[in-house]
Protein backbone atom coordinates (compact mmCIF):
# COMPACT_ATOMS: atom_id res chain seq x y z
CA MET A 1 14.81 51.72 -1.36
CA SER A 2 16.90 54.84 -1.56
CA GLU A 3 17.70 56.37 1.85
CA ASP A 4 16.97 59.83 0.46
CA ARG A 5 13.22 59.00 0.41
CA LEU A 6 12.96 58.10 4.07
CA PHE A 7 11.73 61.49 5.26
CA PHE A 8 9.22 61.80 2.45
CA LEU A 9 7.83 58.36 2.93
CA MET A 10 7.56 58.93 6.76
CA HIS A 11 5.60 62.14 5.93
CA LEU A 12 3.18 60.29 3.54
CA GLY A 13 2.78 57.37 5.99
CA HIS A 14 2.11 59.77 8.86
CA HIS A 15 -0.49 61.62 6.85
CA ALA A 16 -2.28 58.55 5.62
CA MET A 17 -2.26 56.80 8.91
CA PHE A 18 -3.60 59.91 10.89
CA LYS A 19 -6.20 60.75 8.16
CA LEU A 20 -7.55 57.13 8.41
CA ALA A 21 -7.21 57.16 12.27
CA ASP A 22 -9.10 60.40 12.59
CA LYS A 23 -11.84 59.21 10.24
CA ARG A 24 -12.30 55.95 12.32
CA CYS A 25 -12.11 57.80 15.52
CA MET A 26 -14.88 60.19 14.36
CA THR A 27 -16.99 57.35 12.99
CA ARG A 28 -16.76 54.96 15.92
CA LEU A 29 -15.99 57.19 18.90
CA ASN A 30 -17.33 60.62 17.78
CA ILE A 31 -14.07 62.11 18.73
CA SER A 32 -10.80 63.10 16.95
CA CYS A 33 -7.61 61.19 17.08
CA VAL A 34 -5.90 63.90 19.08
CA GLN A 35 -8.79 63.95 21.54
CA LEU A 36 -8.35 60.12 22.00
CA SER A 37 -4.69 60.71 22.70
CA ALA A 38 -5.66 63.30 25.36
CA LEU A 39 -8.00 60.91 26.90
CA LEU A 40 -5.29 58.14 27.02
CA PHE A 41 -2.91 60.59 28.61
CA LEU A 42 -5.52 61.80 31.17
CA GLN A 43 -6.43 58.24 32.08
CA LYS A 44 -2.90 57.93 33.46
CA ASN A 45 -2.56 61.51 34.53
CA ASP A 46 -6.07 62.53 35.59
CA GLY A 47 -6.06 65.89 37.27
CA CYS A 48 -2.91 66.89 35.53
CA LEU A 49 -2.11 70.63 34.89
CA LEU A 50 -2.79 72.04 31.32
CA LYS A 51 1.02 72.34 30.78
CA ASP A 52 1.48 68.76 31.58
CA LEU A 53 -1.07 67.72 29.06
CA SER A 54 0.54 70.00 26.59
CA ALA A 55 4.00 68.29 27.22
CA GLY A 56 2.44 64.76 27.13
CA LEU A 57 0.85 65.28 23.72
CA ALA A 58 3.75 67.54 22.37
CA LEU A 59 1.34 70.36 21.55
CA ASN A 60 2.12 74.01 21.95
CA ASN A 61 -0.03 76.29 24.31
CA SER A 62 -2.54 77.48 21.71
CA ALA A 63 -3.16 74.09 20.38
CA ILE A 64 -3.65 72.67 23.78
CA THR A 65 -5.96 75.58 24.80
CA GLY A 66 -8.08 74.85 21.72
CA LEU A 67 -8.10 71.07 22.26
CA VAL A 68 -9.19 71.42 25.75
CA THR A 69 -11.86 74.03 25.00
CA ARG A 70 -13.38 71.60 22.38
CA MET A 71 -13.19 68.70 24.81
CA LEU A 72 -14.90 70.85 27.49
CA ASN A 73 -17.61 71.75 24.95
CA THR A 74 -18.36 68.13 24.23
CA ASP A 75 -18.23 67.05 27.89
CA LEU A 76 -15.02 64.92 27.47
CA VAL A 77 -13.16 66.67 30.26
CA LYS A 78 -13.83 68.80 33.37
CA LYS A 79 -11.54 71.81 34.36
CA SER A 80 -10.96 72.82 38.00
CA PRO A 81 -8.75 75.64 39.36
CA CYS A 82 -5.40 74.48 40.74
CA LYS A 83 -5.31 74.75 44.54
CA ASP A 84 -1.53 75.30 44.44
CA ASP A 85 -1.62 78.07 41.71
CA ALA A 86 -4.64 80.16 41.04
CA ARG A 87 -3.48 80.86 37.42
CA SER A 88 -3.59 77.15 36.52
CA TYR A 89 -6.20 74.56 35.84
CA ARG A 90 -6.36 70.85 36.47
CA ILE A 91 -7.94 68.69 33.74
CA TYR A 92 -10.04 65.60 34.66
CA LEU A 93 -11.80 62.95 32.55
CA SER A 94 -15.54 63.12 32.45
CA ASP A 95 -17.72 60.05 32.89
CA LYS A 96 -18.48 60.28 29.09
CA ALA A 97 -14.77 60.01 28.40
CA LYS A 98 -14.38 57.11 30.68
CA ASP A 99 -17.15 55.30 28.81
CA ILE A 100 -15.32 56.10 25.47
CA LEU A 101 -11.90 54.85 26.58
CA PRO A 102 -12.57 51.00 26.30
CA LYS A 103 -13.77 51.51 22.64
CA GLY A 104 -10.68 53.63 22.08
CA TYR A 105 -8.40 50.91 23.18
CA GLU A 106 -10.29 48.37 20.88
CA LEU A 107 -9.68 50.65 17.89
CA LEU A 108 -6.10 51.18 18.71
CA ARG A 109 -5.66 47.30 19.10
CA GLU A 110 -7.22 46.87 15.63
CA PHE A 111 -4.88 49.47 14.11
CA ASN A 112 -1.86 47.96 15.69
CA GLN A 113 -2.83 44.47 14.57
CA LYS A 114 -3.37 45.52 10.95
CA ILE A 115 -0.14 47.37 10.88
CA ALA A 116 1.79 44.50 12.48
CA ALA A 117 0.13 41.86 10.24
CA THR A 118 2.28 42.81 7.21
CA PHE A 119 5.48 42.25 9.15
CA SER A 120 7.24 39.22 10.77
CA PRO A 121 7.93 39.43 14.51
CA GLU A 122 11.67 40.28 13.67
CA GLU A 123 10.68 42.95 11.30
CA MET A 124 8.28 44.43 13.96
CA GLN A 125 11.15 44.58 16.42
CA VAL A 126 12.99 46.70 13.92
CA VAL A 127 9.98 48.84 13.02
CA THR A 128 9.30 49.37 16.77
CA ARG A 129 12.93 50.24 17.38
CA PHE A 130 13.06 52.72 14.35
CA LEU A 131 9.89 54.53 15.43
CA ALA A 132 10.99 54.74 19.13
CA SER A 133 14.27 56.21 17.89
CA LEU A 134 12.39 59.02 16.11
CA THR A 135 11.13 60.20 19.42
CA GLN A 136 14.82 61.11 20.23
CA VAL A 137 15.49 62.77 16.92
CA GLU A 138 16.71 66.05 18.38
CA ASP A 139 19.62 64.07 19.90
CA ARG A 140 20.77 63.25 16.44
CA PHE A 141 20.76 66.81 15.14
CA PRO A 142 22.61 69.18 17.45
CA GLU A 143 21.75 72.86 17.19
CA GLU A 144 24.72 73.56 14.94
CA SER A 145 23.40 71.12 12.35
CA THR A 146 23.39 72.25 8.72
CA LEU A 147 19.58 71.34 8.82
CA ASP A 148 19.02 74.65 10.80
CA ASN A 149 20.66 76.92 8.26
């Protein structure tokens, strides 16, 4: 494979994977993939500030506001004013969300197993290392990079 196709293939893979994941999440859980991600984050950070959820999901302010509004409207989360800062809100999992989470974990296990099934354990180590390295992509491209011009 030519290295000049990496970015293109990552784009296609991301699109295909998340299109399928969203479809399965809607079919089996009646929530979107990004809503499942929010539930998983909140399970470990219940009562976090809206800005913390935004950072945890790597979403900008308008996207996180829309996401939380949709989740409030479907009773997936509850919102409570922050006692330390009257301008802020804390986000909590609802009972409905807590009931969905085990099914969400099962769905993610199935996805991970099907993805991993086509690779040897050694190859999976490389795939995992590669994908983890993408989370640090900004470190590889300093601001003065020719990509920014």
